[in-house]
């Protein structure tokens, strides 16, 4: 357990999980104190209610690093399963000025709580339209806000999520856990002409499955 948020972020730098200075700056500015209530600076997932967790800090860092060359000023980004709003806020900081990130969650109460969290940490990102949280089924993406330079998914798809791949711009990238039981982070890159999709597997992980609101509540 780290004593402060800065200690936590520095430990991720020392472990070479955070490599990019822009990502370090964005994560330092986004204190987990504003997004969680339990074991704030432990590098582990924590429950935030509604059978949902805030991911471990190292997984947030890995996601940002996998997308870093797409998270530039002016980029358009979708964060599926935005949960507490933590990663969505980090993304918003990286795509300023001129960018837009939409977080999507299917539980209205979680959408409300994430907006409260973001308001404590970065109210201006909501006020100027850089960051928006929407209610909806993230398995279908959010086509009305696309197409996207980058899409991040914070829960596991059972197989290749074609509906999300379709919402990438040419040259865009999707980072998503895929699998049932055994899961891996999959990276899907759409070619510059938009006609091909290249994929490769990254980390082995264990995420909650992408599901519908009723099933999530039953669990």
Protein backbone atom coordinates (compact mmCIF):
# COMPACT_ATOMS: atom_id res chain seq x y z
CA UNK A 1 0.00 0.00 0.00
CA UNK A 2 1.37 3.40 -0.97
CA UNK A 3 0.91 6.38 1.32
CA UNK A 4 0.03 8.88 -1.39
CA UNK A 5 -1.19 8.97 -4.97
CA UNK A 6 2.22 10.33 -6.06
CA UNK A 7 3.94 7.33 -4.42
CA UNK A 8 1.64 4.99 -6.34
CA UNK A 9 2.33 6.64 -9.70
CA UNK A 10 6.09 6.73 -9.05
CA UNK A 11 6.01 3.00 -8.31
CA UNK A 12 4.41 2.40 -11.73
CA UNK A 13 7.18 4.46 -13.33
CA UNK A 14 9.87 2.49 -11.46
CA UNK A 15 8.30 -0.78 -12.61
CA UNK A 16 8.44 0.54 -16.21
CA UNK A 17 4.67 0.24 -16.60
CA UNK A 18 4.32 3.98 -17.13
CA UNK A 19 6.88 4.86 -19.81
CA UNK A 20 5.47 8.06 -21.30
CA UNK A 21 5.83 11.39 -19.48
CA UNK A 22 2.43 12.60 -20.71
CA UNK A 23 0.75 9.54 -19.19
CA UNK A 24 2.60 10.04 -15.91
CA UNK A 25 1.40 13.66 -15.79
CA UNK A 26 -2.21 12.70 -16.60
CA UNK A 27 -2.31 9.98 -13.94
CA UNK A 28 -0.66 12.19 -11.33
CA UNK A 29 -3.37 14.80 -11.89
CA UNK A 30 -6.13 12.18 -11.53
CA UNK A 31 -6.03 11.23 -7.83
CA UNK A 32 -7.82 7.98 -6.98
CA UNK A 33 -9.04 9.70 -3.81
CA UNK A 34 -11.73 11.32 -5.99
CA UNK A 35 -12.81 8.05 -7.62
CA UNK A 36 -12.75 5.39 -4.90
CA UNK A 37 -13.25 5.04 -1.14
CA UNK A 38 -11.34 1.91 -0.17
CA UNK A 39 -7.59 1.16 -0.11
CA UNK A 40 -7.08 4.13 -2.37
CA UNK A 41 -3.42 3.69 -3.25
CA UNK A 42 -3.14 -0.08 -3.38
CA UNK A 43 -2.26 -1.45 -6.81
CA UNK A 44 -5.33 -3.67 -6.96
CA UNK A 45 -8.92 -3.39 -8.23
CA UNK A 46 -11.43 -2.02 -5.71
CA UNK A 47 -15.23 -2.34 -5.59
CA UNK A 48 -17.20 0.81 -6.39
CA UNK A 49 -20.70 -0.65 -6.05
CA UNK A 50 -23.17 -2.12 -8.57
CA UNK A 51 -20.97 -5.24 -8.92
CA UNK A 52 -18.31 -3.10 -10.60
CA UNK A 53 -14.68 -2.37 -9.71
CA UNK A 54 -12.23 0.40 -10.42
CA UNK A 55 -9.36 -1.34 -12.20
CA UNK A 56 -5.95 -1.71 -10.61
CA UNK A 57 -3.76 1.33 -11.33
CA UNK A 58 -1.26 -0.75 -13.30
CA UNK A 59 -4.05 -1.83 -15.67
CA UNK A 60 -5.06 1.79 -16.23
CA UNK A 61 -1.42 2.56 -17.00
CA UNK A 62 -1.09 -0.38 -19.42
CA UNK A 63 -4.26 0.71 -21.25
CA UNK A 64 -3.01 4.28 -21.66
CA UNK A 65 0.39 3.07 -22.87
CA UNK A 66 -1.21 0.73 -25.43
CA UNK A 67 -3.22 3.65 -26.81
CA UNK A 68 -0.72 6.45 -26.28
CA UNK A 69 0.06 7.28 -29.92
CA UNK A 70 -3.70 7.68 -30.52
CA UNK A 71 -4.34 9.77 -27.37
CA UNK A 72 -3.20 13.08 -28.79
CA UNK A 73 -4.76 16.55 -28.85
CA UNK A 74 -7.88 16.55 -30.99
CA UNK A 75 -8.48 12.78 -30.80
CA UNK A 76 -11.95 11.26 -30.49
CA UNK A 77 -12.12 8.38 -27.98
CA UNK A 78 -14.71 5.96 -26.56
CA UNK A 79 -14.28 4.36 -23.11
CA UNK A 80 -16.64 1.38 -22.79
CA UNK A 81 -17.47 0.44 -19.21
CA UNK A 82 -16.20 3.76 -17.85
CA UNK A 83 -17.07 2.79 -14.26
CA UNK A 84 -15.72 5.28 -11.74
CA UNK A 85 -14.65 7.69 -14.52
CA UNK A 86 -10.96 7.46 -13.60
CA UNK A 87 -9.51 6.27 -16.89
CA UNK A 88 -11.92 8.44 -18.87
CA UNK A 89 -10.56 11.47 -17.02
CA UNK A 90 -6.95 10.49 -17.74
CA UNK A 91 -7.82 10.11 -21.42
CA UNK A 92 -9.52 13.53 -21.45
CA UNK A 93 -6.34 15.13 -20.14
CA UNK A 94 -4.29 13.54 -22.91
CA UNK A 95 -6.52 14.62 -25.81
CA UNK A 96 -6.73 18.32 -24.92
CA UNK A 97 -7.14 20.69 -26.62
CA UNK A 98 -9.81 19.89 -29.15
CA UNK A 99 -10.40 16.24 -28.29
CA UNK A 100 -13.50 14.42 -27.07
CA UNK A 101 -13.85 11.30 -24.91
CA UNK A 102 -17.17 9.60 -24.25
CA UNK A 103 -17.48 7.13 -21.39
CA UNK A 104 -20.40 4.72 -21.63
CA UNK A 105 -22.03 2.76 -18.79
CA UNK A 106 -25.34 0.85 -18.68
CA UNK A 107 -26.19 1.50 -15.01
CA UNK A 108 -27.61 5.03 -14.56
CA UNK A 109 -26.56 5.21 -10.90
CA UNK A 110 -22.97 4.49 -11.88
CA UNK A 111 -23.12 7.19 -14.55
CA UNK A 112 -24.30 9.66 -11.90
CA UNK A 113 -21.61 8.67 -9.40
CA UNK A 114 -18.86 8.87 -12.03
CA UNK A 115 -19.95 12.38 -12.99
CA UNK A 116 -19.72 13.36 -9.31
CA UNK A 117 -16.23 11.83 -9.15
CA UNK A 118 -15.08 13.67 -12.26
CA UNK A 119 -16.57 16.92 -10.97
CA UNK A 120 -14.40 16.66 -7.84
CA UNK A 121 -11.26 16.10 -9.87
CA UNK A 122 -11.67 17.86 -13.22
CA UNK A 123 -14.95 19.77 -13.48
CA UNK A 124 -13.62 21.85 -16.38
CA UNK A 125 -13.37 18.74 -18.60
CA UNK A 126 -17.13 18.24 -18.26
CA UNK A 127 -17.90 21.94 -18.60
CA UNK A 128 -15.98 22.41 -21.85
CA UNK A 129 -17.30 19.21 -23.43
CA UNK A 130 -13.96 17.38 -23.56
CA UNK A 131 -15.46 14.59 -21.43
CA UNK A 132 -18.99 13.16 -21.55
CA UNK A 133 -20.50 10.16 -19.75
CA UNK A 134 -23.41 8.46 -21.52
CA UNK A 135 -25.86 5.75 -20.44
CA UNK A 136 -26.09 2.82 -22.83
CA UNK A 137 -25.05 -0.71 -23.77
CA UNK A 138 -21.34 -0.40 -24.42
CA UNK A 139 -21.27 -3.74 -26.25
CA UNK A 140 -22.87 -1.82 -29.12
CA UNK A 141 -20.41 1.05 -28.78
CA UNK A 142 -21.73 4.58 -29.22
CA UNK A 143 -21.98 5.09 -32.99
CA UNK A 144 -23.54 8.55 -32.73
CA UNK A 145 -20.31 9.86 -31.19
CA UNK A 146 -17.94 8.17 -33.62
CA UNK A 147 -15.98 7.27 -35.53
CA UNK A 148 -13.14 7.04 -33.00
CA UNK A 149 -9.36 7.27 -33.08
CA UNK A 150 -9.25 5.00 -30.03
CA UNK A 151 -11.64 2.74 -28.12
CA UNK A 152 -10.89 1.22 -24.72
CA UNK A 153 -13.04 -1.48 -23.14
CA UNK A 154 -12.91 -2.12 -19.40
CA UNK A 155 -14.67 -5.53 -19.39
CA UNK A 156 -14.13 -8.76 -21.29
CA UNK A 157 -15.83 -9.44 -24.63
CA UNK A 158 -16.48 -13.15 -25.29
CA UNK A 159 -15.05 -12.88 -28.81
CA UNK A 160 -13.92 -10.35 -31.41
CA UNK A 161 -16.12 -7.24 -30.87
CA UNK A 162 -16.94 -6.36 -34.47
CA UNK A 163 -19.49 -3.68 -33.57
CA UNK A 164 -16.72 -1.72 -31.86
CA UNK A 165 -14.16 -2.33 -34.60
CA UNK A 166 -16.62 -0.87 -37.10
CA UNK A 167 -16.69 2.38 -35.10
CA UNK A 168 -12.92 2.94 -35.44
CA UNK A 169 -11.66 5.54 -37.86
CA UNK A 170 -9.15 4.38 -40.48
CA UNK A 171 -5.89 4.19 -38.50
CA UNK A 172 -7.81 3.78 -35.23
CA UNK A 173 -7.11 1.31 -32.41
CA UNK A 174 -9.27 -0.78 -30.08
CA UNK A 175 -7.89 -2.22 -26.82
CA UNK A 176 -10.18 -4.83 -25.22
CA UNK A 177 -9.94 -7.94 -23.00
CA UNK A 178 -11.28 -10.94 -24.97
CA UNK A 179 -12.14 -14.44 -23.82
CA UNK A 180 -14.30 -16.53 -21.53
CA UNK A 181 -12.32 -17.97 -18.64
CA UNK A 182 -8.87 -17.41 -20.14
CA UNK A 183 -8.64 -13.78 -21.31
CA UNK A 184 -6.07 -11.69 -23.10
CA UNK A 185 -5.90 -8.01 -23.90
CA UNK A 186 -6.39 -7.81 -27.67
CA UNK A 187 -5.24 -4.86 -29.75
CA UNK A 188 -7.09 -4.26 -33.03
CA UNK A 189 -5.58 -1.72 -35.44
CA UNK A 190 -7.60 -0.55 -38.44
CA UNK A 191 -5.42 0.12 -41.49
CA UNK A 192 -4.97 3.66 -42.82
CA UNK A 193 -7.32 2.92 -45.73
CA UNK A 194 -9.89 1.37 -43.37
CA UNK A 195 -10.04 -1.90 -45.32
CA UNK A 196 -8.07 -4.20 -43.01
CA UNK A 197 -7.87 -4.91 -39.30
CA UNK A 198 -4.65 -6.18 -37.76
CA UNK A 199 -4.86 -7.84 -34.36
CA UNK A 200 -2.42 -9.08 -31.78
CA UNK A 201 -2.68 -10.47 -28.26
CA UNK A 202 -1.04 -8.75 -25.31
CA UNK A 203 -1.36 -9.38 -21.55
CA UNK A 204 -3.21 -12.26 -19.95
CA UNK A 205 -5.86 -10.70 -17.68
CA UNK A 206 -8.96 -11.40 -15.60
CA UNK A 207 -11.81 -8.93 -16.16
CA UNK A 208 -15.53 -9.10 -15.42
CA UNK A 209 -17.48 -9.95 -18.59
CA UNK A 210 -19.21 -7.39 -20.75
CA UNK A 211 -22.85 -8.02 -20.00
CA UNK A 212 -26.29 -6.45 -19.79
CA UNK A 213 -27.55 -4.45 -16.85
CA UNK A 214 -29.93 -7.14 -15.53
CA UNK A 215 -27.31 -9.88 -15.57
CA UNK A 216 -24.75 -7.65 -13.88
CA UNK A 217 -27.18 -6.93 -11.03
CA UNK A 218 -27.89 -10.67 -10.58
CA UNK A 219 -24.19 -11.25 -10.07
